[in-house]
């Protein structure tokens, strides 16, 4: 079982806020430079998120 985690106030006001802003900026740049719809950005973010999701696969042997 995973231990709960939360960012500290300093992290929320620093690196977390900066990371959020950077991701939003890059998504806007992607839309501007490719004219892709929001749905394509969401799809890309989903692929990225899947790299960080915990997976539990059952070994069916």
N, C-alpha and C. Protein backbone atom coordinates (compact mmCIF):
# COMPACT_ATOMS: atom_id res chain seq x y z
N UNK A 1 0.84 -1.18 0.00
CA UNK A 1 0.00 0.00 0.00
C UNK A 1 0.88 1.24 0.00
N UNK A 2 0.51 2.22 -0.82
CA UNK A 2 1.31 3.44 -0.91
C UNK A 2 1.02 4.37 0.26
N UNK A 3 2.06 4.96 0.77
CA UNK A 3 1.94 5.93 1.86
C UNK A 3 1.44 7.26 1.29
N UNK A 4 0.44 7.89 1.93
CA UNK A 4 -0.05 9.18 1.43
C UNK A 4 1.05 10.22 1.38
N UNK A 5 1.00 11.08 0.38
CA UNK A 5 2.00 12.12 0.21
C UNK A 5 1.31 13.42 -0.12
N UNK A 6 1.81 14.49 0.42
CA UNK A 6 1.34 15.81 0.00
C UNK A 6 2.53 16.75 0.01
N UNK A 7 2.49 17.71 -0.91
CA UNK A 7 3.55 18.69 -1.01
C UNK A 7 3.49 19.64 0.18
N UNK A 8 4.64 20.15 0.55
CA UNK A 8 4.69 21.16 1.61
C UNK A 8 4.19 22.49 1.05
N UNK A 9 3.89 23.42 1.93
CA UNK A 9 3.46 24.76 1.51
C UNK A 9 4.54 25.41 0.65
N UNK A 10 5.80 25.28 1.08
CA UNK A 10 6.91 25.86 0.30
C UNK A 10 6.99 25.25 -1.09
N UNK A 11 6.82 23.94 -1.18
CA UNK A 11 6.84 23.28 -2.48
C UNK A 11 5.66 23.73 -3.34
N UNK A 12 4.48 23.83 -2.73
CA UNK A 12 3.28 24.26 -3.48
C UNK A 12 3.47 25.67 -4.04
N UNK A 13 4.12 26.53 -3.28
CA UNK A 13 4.33 27.92 -3.71
C UNK A 13 5.59 28.09 -4.54
N UNK A 14 6.34 27.02 -4.73
CA UNK A 14 7.59 27.07 -5.48
C UNK A 14 7.56 26.14 -6.68
N UNK A 15 8.20 25.00 -6.54
CA UNK A 15 8.39 24.08 -7.65
C UNK A 15 7.08 23.57 -8.24
N UNK A 16 6.08 23.31 -7.40
CA UNK A 16 4.80 22.80 -7.92
C UNK A 16 4.11 23.87 -8.76
N UNK A 17 4.05 25.08 -8.25
CA UNK A 17 3.44 26.18 -8.99
C UNK A 17 4.18 26.45 -10.30
N UNK A 18 5.51 26.41 -10.25
CA UNK A 18 6.32 26.63 -11.46
C UNK A 18 6.10 25.52 -12.48
N UNK A 19 6.05 24.30 -12.01
CA UNK A 19 5.84 23.16 -12.92
C UNK A 19 4.48 23.27 -13.59
N UNK A 20 3.46 23.60 -12.82
CA UNK A 20 2.12 23.78 -13.37
C UNK A 20 2.13 24.85 -14.46
N UNK A 21 2.72 25.99 -14.16
CA UNK A 21 2.78 27.09 -15.13
C UNK A 21 3.53 26.68 -16.39
N UNK A 22 4.63 25.95 -16.23
CA UNK A 22 5.41 25.49 -17.38
C UNK A 22 4.62 24.54 -18.26
N UNK A 23 3.89 23.62 -17.64
CA UNK A 23 3.09 22.67 -18.41
C UNK A 23 2.01 23.40 -19.19
N UNK A 24 1.32 24.33 -18.53
CA UNK A 24 0.28 25.11 -19.21
C UNK A 24 0.87 25.88 -20.38
N UNK A 25 2.01 26.55 -20.17
CA UNK A 25 2.68 27.30 -21.24
C UNK A 25 3.04 26.41 -22.41
N UNK A 26 3.60 25.25 -22.13
CA UNK A 26 4.01 24.35 -23.21
C UNK A 26 2.80 23.80 -23.96
N UNK A 27 1.72 23.55 -23.27
CA UNK A 27 0.50 23.09 -23.95
C UNK A 27 -0.04 24.19 -24.86
N UNK A 28 -0.01 25.42 -24.39
CA UNK A 28 -0.45 26.54 -25.23
C UNK A 28 0.47 26.72 -26.44
N UNK A 29 1.78 26.55 -26.24
CA UNK A 29 2.73 26.61 -27.37
C UNK A 29 2.45 25.51 -28.38
N UNK A 30 2.16 24.31 -27.90
CA UNK A 30 1.84 23.20 -28.77
C UNK A 30 0.61 23.51 -29.61
N UNK A 31 -0.44 24.02 -28.97
CA UNK A 31 -1.66 24.38 -29.70
C UNK A 31 -1.39 25.47 -30.73
N UNK A 32 -0.62 26.48 -30.33
CA UNK A 32 -0.32 27.61 -31.22
C UNK A 32 0.48 27.16 -32.45
N UNK A 33 1.47 26.29 -32.22
CA UNK A 33 2.37 25.88 -33.30
C UNK A 33 1.83 24.76 -34.18
N UNK A 34 0.84 24.03 -33.69
CA UNK A 34 0.32 22.91 -34.46
C UNK A 34 -1.15 23.06 -34.83
N UNK A 35 -1.82 24.05 -34.23
CA UNK A 35 -3.26 24.23 -34.42
C UNK A 35 -4.07 22.99 -34.02
N UNK A 36 -3.54 22.22 -33.09
CA UNK A 36 -4.25 21.03 -32.64
C UNK A 36 -5.38 21.43 -31.68
N UNK A 37 -6.41 20.60 -31.60
CA UNK A 37 -7.51 20.89 -30.69
C UNK A 37 -7.15 20.52 -29.25
N UNK A 38 -7.95 21.02 -28.31
CA UNK A 38 -7.74 20.70 -26.88
C UNK A 38 -7.71 19.20 -26.64
N UNK A 39 -8.55 18.47 -27.38
CA UNK A 39 -8.62 17.01 -27.19
C UNK A 39 -7.28 16.34 -27.47
N UNK A 40 -6.51 16.87 -28.40
CA UNK A 40 -5.20 16.29 -28.69
C UNK A 40 -4.24 16.57 -27.55
N UNK A 41 -4.34 17.75 -26.96
CA UNK A 41 -3.50 18.08 -25.80
C UNK A 41 -3.85 17.17 -24.63
N UNK A 42 -5.14 16.96 -24.42
CA UNK A 42 -5.59 16.07 -23.34
C UNK A 42 -5.06 14.66 -23.57
N UNK A 43 -5.11 14.19 -24.81
CA UNK A 43 -4.60 12.86 -25.13
C UNK A 43 -3.11 12.76 -24.83
N UNK A 44 -2.36 13.79 -25.20
CA UNK A 44 -0.93 13.80 -24.92
C UNK A 44 -0.66 13.80 -23.42
N UNK A 45 -1.39 14.62 -22.68
CA UNK A 45 -1.22 14.66 -21.23
C UNK A 45 -1.59 13.32 -20.58
N UNK A 46 -2.56 12.63 -21.15
CA UNK A 46 -2.94 11.31 -20.64
C UNK A 46 -1.82 10.29 -20.83
N UNK A 47 -1.17 10.36 -22.00
CA UNK A 47 -0.03 9.46 -22.25
C UNK A 47 1.09 9.76 -21.26
N UNK A 48 1.35 11.03 -21.04
CA UNK A 48 2.39 11.41 -20.09
C UNK A 48 2.02 10.95 -18.68
N UNK A 49 0.77 11.17 -18.29
CA UNK A 49 0.32 10.76 -16.95
C UNK A 49 0.44 9.26 -16.77
N UNK A 50 0.20 8.50 -17.83
CA UNK A 50 0.28 7.04 -17.71
C UNK A 50 1.70 6.57 -17.37
N UNK A 51 2.69 7.38 -17.72
CA UNK A 51 4.07 7.03 -17.35
C UNK A 51 4.30 7.10 -15.85
N UNK A 52 3.46 7.82 -15.15
CA UNK A 52 3.63 8.02 -13.72
C UNK A 52 2.59 7.27 -12.90
N UNK A 53 1.62 6.67 -13.55
CA UNK A 53 0.56 5.94 -12.86
C UNK A 53 1.11 4.61 -12.35
N UNK A 54 0.65 4.24 -11.18
CA UNK A 54 1.01 2.95 -10.62
C UNK A 54 0.14 1.89 -11.27
N UNK A 55 0.79 0.86 -11.76
CA UNK A 55 0.03 -0.23 -12.38
C UNK A 55 0.17 -1.49 -11.55
N UNK A 56 -0.90 -2.22 -11.48
CA UNK A 56 -0.86 -3.52 -10.80
C UNK A 56 -1.34 -4.55 -11.81
N UNK A 57 -0.39 -5.28 -12.32
CA UNK A 57 -0.71 -6.31 -13.31
C UNK A 57 -0.65 -7.67 -12.65
N UNK A 58 -1.65 -8.49 -12.96
CA UNK A 58 -1.67 -9.84 -12.44
C UNK A 58 -0.94 -10.75 -13.40
N UNK A 59 -0.11 -11.60 -12.87
CA UNK A 59 0.60 -12.59 -13.67
C UNK A 59 -0.29 -13.80 -13.82
N UNK A 60 -0.80 -14.01 -15.01
CA UNK A 60 -1.73 -15.11 -15.26
C UNK A 60 -1.01 -16.27 -15.92
N UNK A 61 -0.27 -17.02 -15.16
CA UNK A 61 0.46 -18.18 -15.69
C UNK A 61 -0.26 -19.44 -15.33
